[in-house]
Amino acid sequence: MAQIDEVKAQIMKTVTEVKRTNPMAGSVTNSVTINLVANTQIAVGGSAAMVYLPDEAEALAKAGEATYINLGTMLPVYEETLTVAVKTLREADRPWVLDPVGIGMGRLRTDMLEMFKDYKPEIIKGNASEIIALAGLWGLDEGSQQAGTRGVDTTESVDEAVGSAVSLARCTGGAVIVSGETDLITDGKQVATSRGGSKFLGHITGGGCALGGAAAVYLTRSSPFIAALTAVQVFNVAGRLAEEQTDAPASFQVAFLDELYKAWPEAVAHNHFEMEEYRA
């Protein structure tokens, strides 16, 4: 297992390189939260491009350095768009992030998520219920297709999703983020936990989606585990600092984007997190 100091050094390098190089991470994402996702990607140092159509998704998968796919608001065209996108990403050897928002709602969403198992996203990000449900849909031992969801909210705790997250990471060979009051990140061998953030992230639309978008930006410059942990760390730093400046959600969102923009490598790396080797 990597040592904490080594991981901190990799986080600082990732943040530095993203701010220096302005990498492109495109998205096929939730229409409800698209603005916050794009602004978050730009704030952390990346470039954003949002598409819906199949030919545009194919072009973006080839041109972008990573791609974020979020199933929050499904459109009929997505059956073609997402199929083309993930196939192109594999052919072009480009990494991608999957956010299985709303898993269990509707046949098209379920069919897409089943298909994604064969295309192995480098990072999967979801709340506890989504992670448990996806592991179940993919037939992994720790998962359960009966996990409860309420829209984008979770009915399970992060602790309950540890086994499912590890199973998913081992299946894809990448990393998994389970978002919650304490965020969990795993590559199937080691598990990191990070605290911080803000209660107001639960009172604005798109905080979780934006986290996935940030993870895609960092994935352009780092391994899946480090990219996932870096995204969580920058959110926890920015969320905590933004909450100190406000007492309401709308002003929090503005302050949050500002703090994402101002978050420098040392602050992101030194937000407290813990790591341990996973033992089943």
C-alpha atoms as a PDB file:
ATOM      1  CA  MET A   1       0.000   0.000   0.000  1.00  0.00           C
ATOM      2  CA  ALA A   2       1.239   3.470  -0.870  1.00  0.00           C
ATOM      3  CA  GLN A   3       2.408   5.611   2.036  1.00  0.00           C
ATOM      4  CA  ILE A   4       0.491   8.766   2.976  1.00  0.00           C
ATOM      5  CA  ASP A   5       3.412  11.076   2.160  1.00  0.00           C
ATOM      6  CA  GLU A   6       3.804   9.488  -1.263  1.00  0.00           C
ATOM      7  CA  VAL A   7       0.085   9.899  -1.959  1.00  0.00           C
ATOM      8  CA  LYS A   8       0.180  13.544  -0.861  1.00  0.00           C
ATOM      9  CA  ALA A   9       3.060  14.172  -3.267  1.00  0.00           C
ATOM     10  CA  GLN A  10       1.067  12.618  -6.101  1.00  0.00           C
ATOM     11  CA  ILE A  11      -1.981  14.746  -5.244  1.00  0.00           C
ATOM     12  CA  MET A  12       0.116  17.921  -5.317  1.00  0.00           C
ATOM     13  CA  LYS A  13       1.622  16.923  -8.653  1.00  0.00           C
ATOM     14  CA  THR A  14      -1.833  16.227 -10.095  1.00  0.00           C
ATOM     15  CA  VAL A  15      -3.279  19.577  -9.011  1.00  0.00           C
ATOM     16  CA  THR A  16      -0.189  21.402 -10.275  1.00  0.00           C
ATOM     17  CA  GLU A  17      -0.230  19.705 -13.678  1.00  0.00           C
ATOM     18  CA  VAL A  18      -3.937  20.321 -14.210  1.00  0.00           C
ATOM     19  CA  LYS A  19      -3.601  24.028 -13.427  1.00  0.00           C
ATOM     20  CA  ARG A  20      -0.534  24.269 -15.669  1.00  0.00           C
ATOM     21  CA  THR A  21      -1.840  22.390 -18.712  1.00  0.00           C
ATOM     22  CA  ASN A  22      -5.617  23.085 -18.746  1.00  0.00           C
ATOM     23  CA  PRO A  23      -6.601  19.582 -19.968  1.00  0.00           C
ATOM     24  CA  MET A  24      -9.867  18.832 -21.776  1.00  0.00           C
ATOM     25  CA  ALA A  25     -12.332  16.525 -20.024  1.00  0.00           C
ATOM     26  CA  GLY A  26     -15.570  16.308 -21.977  1.00  0.00           C
ATOM     27  CA  SER A  27     -18.942  15.271 -20.599  1.00  0.00           C
ATOM     28  CA  VAL A  28     -22.188  13.608 -21.541  1.00  0.00           C
ATOM     29  CA  THR A  29     -23.948  14.693 -18.413  1.00  0.00           C
ATOM     30  CA  ASN A  30     -27.080  15.511 -16.469  1.00  0.00           C
ATOM     31  CA  SER A  31     -28.980  18.404 -18.068  1.00  0.00           C
ATOM     32  CA  VAL A  32     -30.129  19.576 -14.625  1.00  0.00           C
ATOM     33  CA  THR A  33     -26.569  20.088 -13.391  1.00  0.00           C
ATOM     34  CA  ILE A  34     -24.593  20.740 -16.561  1.00  0.00           C
ATOM     35  CA  ASN A  35     -23.708  24.341 -15.675  1.00  0.00           C
ATOM     36  CA  LEU A  36     -22.196  23.487 -12.292  1.00  0.00           C
ATOM     37  CA  VAL A  37     -20.274  20.540 -13.746  1.00  0.00           C
ATOM     38  CA  ALA A  38     -18.737  22.712 -16.474  1.00  0.00           C
ATOM     39  CA  ASN A  39     -17.901  25.550 -14.080  1.00  0.00           C
ATOM     40  CA  THR A  40     -16.326  23.103 -11.629  1.00  0.00           C
ATOM     41  CA  GLN A  41     -14.125  21.573 -14.320  1.00  0.00           C
ATOM     42  CA  ILE A  42     -12.965  25.031 -15.332  1.00  0.00           C
ATOM     43  CA  ALA A  43     -12.462  26.152 -11.719  1.00  0.00           C
ATOM     44  CA  VAL A  44     -10.084  23.293 -10.896  1.00  0.00           C
ATOM     45  CA  GLY A  45      -8.030  24.069 -13.996  1.00  0.00           C
ATOM     46  CA  GLY A  46      -9.499  21.977 -16.783  1.00  0.00           C
ATOM     47  CA  SER A  47     -11.497  22.666 -19.923  1.00  0.00           C
ATOM     48  CA  ALA A  48     -15.117  21.582 -20.339  1.00  0.00           C
ATOM     49  CA  ALA A  49     -17.155  20.461 -23.339  1.00  0.00           C
ATOM     50  CA  MET A  50     -20.721  19.190 -22.973  1.00  0.00           C
ATOM     51  CA  VAL A  51     -22.411  17.121 -25.706  1.00  0.00           C
ATOM     52  CA  TYR A  52     -25.575  15.075 -26.266  1.00  0.00           C
ATOM     53  CA  LEU A  53     -25.458  13.874 -29.897  1.00  0.00           C
ATOM     54  CA  PRO A  54     -23.777  10.617 -30.993  1.00  0.00           C
ATOM     55  CA  ASP A  55     -21.403  12.133 -33.560  1.00  0.00           C
ATOM     56  CA  GLU A  56     -20.329  14.845 -31.125  1.00  0.00           C
ATOM     57  CA  ALA A  57     -19.782  12.290 -28.356  1.00  0.00           C
ATOM     58  CA  GLU A  58     -17.629  10.233 -30.704  1.00  0.00           C
ATOM     59  CA  ALA A  59     -15.540  13.253 -31.662  1.00  0.00           C
ATOM     60  CA  LEU A  60     -15.174  14.306 -28.035  1.00  0.00           C
ATOM     61  CA  ALA A  61     -14.130  10.811 -26.950  1.00  0.00           C
ATOM     62  CA  LYS A  62     -11.332  10.938 -29.509  1.00  0.00           C
ATOM     63  CA  ALA A  63     -10.261  14.521 -28.839  1.00  0.00           C
ATOM     64  CA  GLY A  64     -10.661  14.793 -25.077  1.00  0.00           C
ATOM     65  CA  GLU A  65      -8.140  13.468 -22.594  1.00  0.00           C
ATOM     66  CA  ALA A  66     -10.876  11.957 -20.398  1.00  0.00           C
ATOM     67  CA  THR A  67     -14.676  11.832 -20.454  1.00  0.00           C
ATOM     68  CA  TYR A  68     -17.361  12.064 -17.792  1.00  0.00           C
ATOM     69  CA  ILE A  69     -20.602  10.129 -18.355  1.00  0.00           C
ATOM     70  CA  ASN A  70     -23.531  10.866 -16.053  1.00  0.00           C
ATOM     71  CA  LEU A  71     -26.932   9.182 -16.452  1.00  0.00           C
ATOM     72  CA  GLY A  72     -28.921  11.646 -14.360  1.00  0.00           C
ATOM     73  CA  THR A  73     -31.308  12.758 -17.094  1.00  0.00           C
ATOM     74  CA  MET A  74     -31.667  10.140 -19.817  1.00  0.00           C
ATOM     75  CA  LEU A  75     -32.757  11.110 -23.334  1.00  0.00           C
ATOM     76  CA  PRO A  76     -33.825   8.666 -26.089  1.00  0.00           C
ATOM     77  CA  VAL A  77     -30.776   9.627 -28.161  1.00  0.00           C
ATOM     78  CA  TYR A  78     -28.513   8.452 -25.336  1.00  0.00           C
ATOM     79  CA  GLU A  79     -28.972   4.830 -26.379  1.00  0.00           C
ATOM     80  CA  GLU A  80     -26.842   5.643 -29.414  1.00  0.00           C
ATOM     81  CA  THR A  81     -24.770   8.431 -27.869  1.00  0.00           C
ATOM     82  CA  LEU A  82     -23.520   6.445 -24.869  1.00  0.00           C
ATOM     83  CA  THR A  83     -22.886   3.309 -26.891  1.00  0.00           C
ATOM     84  CA  VAL A  84     -20.793   5.250 -29.400  1.00  0.00           C
ATOM     85  CA  ALA A  85     -19.008   7.139 -26.630  1.00  0.00           C
ATOM     86  CA  VAL A  86     -17.833   4.163 -24.582  1.00  0.00           C
ATOM     87  CA  LYS A  87     -16.840   2.130 -27.640  1.00  0.00           C
ATOM     88  CA  THR A  88     -14.807   5.053 -28.967  1.00  0.00           C
ATOM     89  CA  LEU A  89     -13.187   5.613 -25.587  1.00  0.00           C
ATOM     90  CA  ARG A  90     -12.019   2.004 -25.479  1.00  0.00           C
ATOM     91  CA  GLU A  91     -10.776   2.069 -29.071  1.00  0.00           C
ATOM     92  CA  ALA A  92      -8.932   5.341 -28.470  1.00  0.00           C
ATOM     93  CA  ASP A  93      -7.618   4.134 -25.086  1.00  0.00           C
ATOM     94  CA  ARG A  94      -9.062   7.170 -23.309  1.00  0.00           C
ATOM     95  CA  PRO A  95     -10.072   7.027 -19.636  1.00  0.00           C
ATOM     96  CA  TRP A  96     -13.571   7.842 -18.412  1.00  0.00           C
ATOM     97  CA  VAL A  97     -15.660   8.388 -15.297  1.00  0.00           C
ATOM     98  CA  LEU A  98     -19.084   6.823 -14.747  1.00  0.00           C
ATOM     99  CA  ASP A  99     -21.752   8.344 -12.506  1.00  0.00           C
ATOM    100  CA  PRO A 100     -24.686   5.859 -12.296  1.00  0.00           C
ATOM    101  CA  VAL A 101     -27.233   8.423 -11.147  1.00  0.00           C
ATOM    102  CA  GLY A 102     -30.758   7.071 -10.764  1.00  0.00           C
ATOM    103  CA  ILE A 103     -29.763   3.438 -11.186  1.00  0.00           C
ATOM    104  CA  GLY A 104     -32.849   1.232 -11.192  1.00  0.00           C
ATOM    105  CA  MET A 105     -35.075   3.832 -12.873  1.00  0.00           C
ATOM    106  CA  GLY A 106     -36.189   2.692 -16.327  1.00  0.00           C
ATOM    107  CA  ARG A 107     -35.117   0.132 -18.889  1.00  0.00           C
ATOM    108  CA  LEU A 108     -32.836   2.365 -20.982  1.00  0.00           C
ATOM    109  CA  ARG A 109     -30.787   3.443 -17.973  1.00  0.00           C
ATOM    110  CA  THR A 110     -30.491  -0.166 -16.788  1.00  0.00           C
ATOM    111  CA  ASP A 111     -29.464  -1.426 -20.231  1.00  0.00           C
ATOM    112  CA  MET A 112     -26.772   1.245 -20.514  1.00  0.00           C
ATOM    113  CA  LEU A 113     -25.370   0.498 -17.074  1.00  0.00           C
ATOM    114  CA  GLU A 114     -25.292  -3.242 -17.795  1.00  0.00           C
ATOM    115  CA  MET A 115     -23.369  -2.572 -21.014  1.00  0.00           C
ATOM    116  CA  PHE A 116     -20.824  -0.360 -19.270  1.00  0.00           C
ATOM    117  CA  LYS A 117     -19.432  -3.345 -17.368  1.00  0.00           C
ATOM    118  CA  ASP A 118     -17.699  -4.468 -20.562  1.00  0.00           C
ATOM    119  CA  TYR A 119     -16.108  -1.042 -21.084  1.00  0.00           C
ATOM    120  CA  LYS A 120     -14.614  -0.701 -17.599  1.00  0.00           C
ATOM    121  CA  PRO A 121     -14.651   2.943 -16.513  1.00  0.00           C
ATOM    122  CA  GLU A 122     -11.471   4.054 -14.785  1.00  0.00           C
ATOM    123  CA  ILE A 123     -13.479   5.792 -12.049  1.00  0.00           C
ATOM    124  CA  ILE A 124     -17.002   5.123 -10.779  1.00  0.00           C
ATOM    125  CA  LYS A 125     -18.552   7.788  -8.541  1.00  0.00           C
ATOM    126  CA  GLY A 126     -21.801   7.472  -6.667  1.00  0.00           C
ATOM    127  CA  ASN A 127     -23.520   7.622  -3.320  1.00  0.00           C
ATOM    128  CA  ALA A 128     -23.750   4.473  -1.217  1.00  0.00           C
ATOM    129  CA  SER A 129     -27.049   3.275  -2.678  1.00  0.00           C
ATOM    130  CA  GLU A 130     -25.865   3.773  -6.251  1.00  0.00           C
ATOM    131  CA  ILE A 131     -22.608   1.920  -5.642  1.00  0.00           C
ATOM    132  CA  ILE A 132     -24.372  -1.007  -3.946  1.00  0.00           C
ATOM    133  CA  ALA A 133     -26.969  -1.176  -6.720  1.00  0.00           C
ATOM    134  CA  LEU A 134     -24.378  -1.058  -9.520  1.00  0.00           C
ATOM    135  CA  ALA A 135     -22.379  -3.883  -7.951  1.00  0.00           C
ATOM    136  CA  GLY A 136     -25.594  -5.883  -7.813  1.00  0.00           C
ATOM    137  CA  LEU A 137     -26.499  -5.107 -11.417  1.00  0.00           C
ATOM    138  CA  TRP A 138     -23.063  -6.249 -12.519  1.00  0.00           C
ATOM    139  CA  GLY A 139     -23.416  -9.514 -10.594  1.00  0.00           C
ATOM    140  CA  LEU A 140     -20.682  -8.805  -8.077  1.00  0.00           C
ATOM    141  CA  ASP A 141     -20.939 -10.609  -4.754  1.00  0.00           C
ATOM    142  CA  GLU A 142     -21.054  -7.579  -2.497  1.00  0.00           C
ATOM    143  CA  GLY A 143     -23.752  -5.742  -4.399  1.00  0.00           C
ATOM    144  CA  SER A 144     -27.502  -5.764  -4.089  1.00  0.00           C
ATOM    145  CA  GLN A 145     -29.970  -4.722  -6.747  1.00  0.00           C
ATOM    146  CA  GLN A 146     -32.386  -3.955  -3.918  1.00  0.00           C
ATOM    147  CA  ALA A 147     -30.416  -0.950  -2.660  1.00  0.00           C
ATOM    148  CA  GLY A 148     -32.773   1.913  -2.004  1.00  0.00           C
ATOM    149  CA  THR A 149     -32.685   5.261  -3.761  1.00  0.00           C
ATOM    150  CA  ARG A 150     -34.800   8.367  -3.569  1.00  0.00           C
ATOM    151  CA  GLY A 151     -34.035  10.354  -6.694  1.00  0.00           C
ATOM    152  CA  VAL A 152     -30.340  11.079  -6.356  1.00  0.00           C
ATOM    153  CA  ASP A 153     -30.346  10.570  -2.583  1.00  0.00           C
ATOM    154  CA  THR A 154     -28.972   7.575  -0.743  1.00  0.00           C
ATOM    155  CA  THR A 155     -30.711   5.304   1.741  1.00  0.00           C
ATOM    156  CA  GLU A 156     -27.544   3.432   2.722  1.00  0.00           C
ATOM    157  CA  SER A 157     -24.456   4.569   4.602  1.00  0.00           C
ATOM    158  CA  VAL A 158     -20.953   4.796   3.164  1.00  0.00           C
ATOM    159  CA  ASP A 159     -19.824   2.017   5.512  1.00  0.00           C
ATOM    160  CA  GLU A 160     -22.457  -0.311   4.045  1.00  0.00           C
ATOM    161  CA  ALA A 161     -21.047   0.273   0.545  1.00  0.00           C
ATOM    162  CA  VAL A 162     -17.392  -0.573   1.227  1.00  0.00           C
ATOM    163  CA  GLY A 163     -17.610  -4.153  -0.034  1.00  0.00           C
ATOM    164  CA  SER A 164     -19.498  -3.121  -3.162  1.00  0.00           C
ATOM    165  CA  ALA A 165     -17.004  -0.339  -3.899  1.00  0.00           C
ATOM    166  CA  VAL A 166     -14.064  -2.724  -3.557  1.00  0.00           C
ATOM    167  CA  SER A 167     -15.779  -5.292  -5.807  1.00  0.00           C
ATOM    168  CA  LEU A 168     -16.427  -2.672  -8.479  1.00  0.00           C
ATOM    169  CA  ALA A 169     -12.851  -1.401  -8.342  1.00  0.00           C
ATOM    170  CA  ARG A 170     -11.502  -4.920  -8.695  1.00  0.00           C
ATOM    171  CA  CYS A 171     -13.863  -5.572 -11.602  1.00  0.00           C
ATOM    172  CA  THR A 172     -12.770  -2.486 -13.551  1.00  0.00           C
ATOM    173  CA  GLY A 173      -9.167  -2.272 -12.417  1.00  0.00           C
ATOM    174  CA  GLY A 174      -9.836   1.379 -11.587  1.00  0.00           C
ATOM    175  CA  ALA A 175     -11.126   3.352  -8.615  1.00  0.00           C
ATOM    176  CA  VAL A 176     -14.467   3.998  -6.936  1.00  0.00           C
ATOM    177  CA  ILE A 177     -15.685   7.032  -5.008  1.00  0.00           C
ATOM    178  CA  VAL A 178     -18.518   6.631  -2.499  1.00  0.00           C
ATOM    179  CA  SER A 179     -19.663  10.114  -1.563  1.00  0.00           C
ATOM    180  CA  GLY A 180     -21.156  10.899   1.814  1.00  0.00           C
ATOM    181  CA  GLU A 181     -20.504  12.726   5.063  1.00  0.00           C
ATOM    182  CA  THR A 182     -17.223  10.838   5.024  1.00  0.00           C
ATOM    183  CA  ASP A 183     -16.107  10.110   1.461  1.00  0.00           C
ATOM    184  CA  LEU A 184     -14.533   6.766   0.608  1.00  0.00           C
ATOM    185  CA  ILE A 185     -12.127   6.080  -2.244  1.00  0.00           C
ATOM    186  CA  THR A 186     -10.784   2.646  -3.166  1.00  0.00           C
ATOM    187  CA  ASP A 187      -8.819   0.920  -5.903  1.00  0.00           C
ATOM    188  CA  GLY A 188      -9.815  -2.513  -4.620  1.00  0.00           C
ATOM    189  CA  LYS A 189      -6.650  -2.902  -2.557  1.00  0.00           C
ATOM    190  CA  GLN A 190      -6.475   0.226  -0.434  1.00  0.00           C
ATOM    191  CA  VAL A 191      -9.258   2.358   1.014  1.00  0.00           C
ATOM    192  CA  ALA A 192      -8.981   6.071   1.746  1.00  0.00           C
ATOM    193  CA  THR A 193     -11.448   8.164   3.699  1.00  0.00           C
ATOM    194  CA  SER A 194     -11.684  11.943   3.632  1.00  0.00           C
ATOM    195  CA  ARG A 195     -13.832  14.391   5.571  1.00  0.00           C
ATOM    196  CA  GLY A 196     -14.661  18.035   5.106  1.00  0.00           C
ATOM    197  CA  GLY A 197     -16.991  19.542   2.562  1.00  0.00           C
ATOM    198  CA  SER A 198     -20.167  21.294   3.656  1.00  0.00           C
ATOM    199  CA  LYS A 199     -23.761  20.637   4.607  1.00  0.00           C
ATOM    200  CA  PHE A 200     -24.711  23.057   1.829  1.00  0.00           C
ATOM    201  CA  LEU A 201     -23.501  20.638  -0.861  1.00  0.00           C
ATOM    202  CA  GLY A 202     -26.667  18.716  -0.056  1.00  0.00           C
ATOM    203  CA  HIS A 203     -28.767  21.836  -0.612  1.00  0.00           C
ATOM    204  CA  ILE A 204     -27.660  22.695  -4.147  1.00  0.00           C
ATOM    205  CA  THR A 205     -28.339  20.722  -7.310  1.00  0.00           C
ATOM    206  CA  GLY A 206     -25.296  19.067  -8.801  1.00  0.00           C
ATOM    207  CA  GLY A 207     -22.677  18.806  -6.096  1.00  0.00           C
ATOM    208  CA  GLY A 208     -22.200  15.085  -6.710  1.00  0.00           C
ATOM    209  CA  CYS A 209     -22.233  15.512 -10.478  1.00  0.00           C
ATOM    210  CA  ALA A 210     -19.623  18.239 -10.201  1.00  0.00           C
ATOM    211  CA  LEU A 211     -17.409  15.889  -8.182  1.00  0.00           C
ATOM    212  CA  GLY A 212     -17.503  13.408 -11.047  1.00  0.00           C
ATOM    213  CA  GLY A 213     -16.604  16.158 -13.489  1.00  0.00           C
ATOM    214  CA  ALA A 214     -13.632  17.184 -11.373  1.00  0.00           C
ATOM    215  CA  ALA A 215     -12.492  13.555 -11.142  1.00  0.00           C
ATOM    216  CA  ALA A 216     -12.475  13.384 -14.950  1.00  0.00           C
ATOM    217  CA  VAL A 217     -10.253  16.462 -15.132  1.00  0.00           C
ATOM    218  CA  TYR A 218      -7.750  15.000 -12.668  1.00  0.00           C
ATOM    219  CA  LEU A 219      -7.889  11.659 -14.480  1.00  0.00           C
ATOM    220  CA  THR A 220      -6.203  13.330 -17.446  1.00  0.00           C
ATOM    221  CA  ARG A 221      -3.057  13.739 -15.366  1.00  0.00           C
ATOM    222  CA  SER A 222      -3.064  10.903 -12.862  1.00  0.00           C
ATOM    223  CA  SER A 223      -3.949   7.313 -12.034  1.00  0.00           C
ATOM    224  CA  PRO A 224      -7.596   6.537 -11.243  1.00  0.00           C
ATOM    225  CA  PHE A 225      -7.038   6.262  -7.495  1.00  0.00           C
ATOM    226  CA  ILE A 226      -5.052   9.493  -7.188  1.00  0.00           C
ATOM    227  CA  ALA A 227      -7.451  11.352  -9.491  1.00  0.00           C
ATOM    228  CA  ALA A 228     -10.446  10.197  -7.458  1.00  0.00           C
ATOM    229  CA  LEU A 229      -8.821  11.084  -4.148  1.00  0.00           C
ATOM    230  CA  THR A 230      -7.684  14.466  -5.469  1.00  0.00           C
ATOM    231  CA  ALA A 231     -11.232  15.329  -6.560  1.00  0.00           C
ATOM    232  CA  VAL A 232     -12.618  14.402  -3.141  1.00  0.00           C
ATOM    233  CA  GLN A 233      -9.888  16.346  -1.367  1.00  0.00           C
ATOM    234  CA  VAL A 234     -10.399  19.543  -3.363  1.00  0.00           C
ATOM    235  CA  PHE A 235     -14.157  19.355  -2.763  1.00  0.00           C
ATOM    236  CA  ASN A 236     -13.685  18.884   0.956  1.00  0.00           C
ATOM    237  CA  VAL A 237     -11.266  21.796   1.178  1.00  0.00           C
ATOM    238  CA  ALA A 238     -13.380  24.141  -0.956  1.00  0.00           C
ATOM    239  CA  GLY A 239     -16.614  23.144   0.748  1.00  0.00           C
ATOM    240  CA  ARG A 240     -15.266  23.798   4.224  1.00  0.00           C
ATOM    241  CA  LEU A 241     -13.822  27.186   3.292  1.00  0.00           C
ATOM    242  CA  ALA A 242     -16.936  28.251   1.385  1.00  0.00           C
ATOM    243  CA  GLU A 243     -19.210  27.408   4.323  1.00  0.00           C
ATOM    244  CA  GLU A 244     -17.166  29.705   6.542  1.00  0.00           C
ATOM    245  CA  GLN A 245     -18.196  32.609   4.309  1.00  0.00           C
ATOM    246  CA  THR A 246     -21.961  32.116   4.102  1.00  0.00           C
ATOM    247  CA  ASP A 247     -25.095  30.805   5.774  1.00  0.00           C
ATOM    248  CA  ALA A 248     -27.240  29.901   2.732  1.00  0.00           C
ATOM    249  CA  PRO A 249     -27.017  27.627  -0.330  1.00  0.00           C
ATOM    250  CA  ALA A 250     -27.026  30.123  -3.208  1.00  0.00           C
ATOM    251  CA  SER A 251     -24.171  32.222  -1.877  1.00  0.00           C
ATOM    252  CA  PHE A 252     -22.401  29.006  -0.876  1.00  0.00           C
ATOM    253  CA  GLN A 253     -22.368  27.832  -4.485  1.00  0.00           C
ATOM    254  CA  VAL A 254     -20.643  31.021  -5.606  1.00  0.00           C
ATOM    255  CA  ALA A 255     -18.099  30.826  -2.787  1.00  0.00           C
ATOM    256  CA  PHE A 256     -17.557  27.126  -3.477  1.00  0.00           C
ATOM    257  CA  LEU A 257     -16.578  27.737  -7.107  1.00  0.00           C
ATOM    258  CA  ASP A 258     -14.254  30.511  -5.957  1.00  0.00           C
ATOM    259  CA  GLU A 259     -12.564  28.196  -3.447  1.00  0.00           C
ATOM    260  CA  LEU A 260     -12.190  25.430  -6.043  1.00  0.00           C
ATOM    261  CA  TYR A 261     -10.406  27.955  -8.240  1.00  0.00           C
ATOM    262  CA  LYS A 262      -8.169  29.146  -5.393  1.00  0.00           C
ATOM    263  CA  ALA A 263      -7.315  25.673  -4.021  1.00  0.00           C
ATOM    264  CA  TRP A 264      -3.597  25.157  -4.391  1.00  0.00           C
ATOM    265  CA  PRO A 265      -1.736  21.842  -4.323  1.00  0.00           C
ATOM    266  CA  GLU A 266      -0.568  21.950  -0.707  1.00  0.00           C
ATOM    267  CA  ALA A 267      -4.035  22.697   0.666  1.00  0.00           C
ATOM    268  CA  VAL A 268      -5.613  19.886  -1.333  1.00  0.00           C
ATOM    269  CA  ALA A 269      -2.971  17.332  -0.383  1.00  0.00           C
ATOM    270  CA  HIS A 270      -2.908  18.228   3.297  1.00  0.00           C
ATOM    271  CA  ASN A 271      -6.630  18.100   3.963  1.00  0.00           C
ATOM    272  CA  HIS A 272      -6.769  15.242   6.457  1.00  0.00           C
ATOM    273  CA  PHE A 273      -7.407  11.799   5.007  1.00  0.00           C
ATOM    274  CA  GLU A 274      -6.728   8.272   6.173  1.00  0.00           C
ATOM    275  CA  MET A 275      -5.703   5.134   4.288  1.00  0.00           C
ATOM    276  CA  GLU A 276      -5.664   1.457   5.049  1.00  0.00           C
ATOM    277  CA  GLU A 277      -5.275  -1.806   3.203  1.00  0.00           C
ATOM    278  CA  TYR A 278      -8.600  -3.490   2.479  1.00  0.00           C
ATOM    279  CA  ARG A 279      -9.031  -6.813   4.201  1.00  0.00           C
ATOM    280  CA  ALA A 280     -12.166  -8.753   3.265  1.00  0.00           C
END
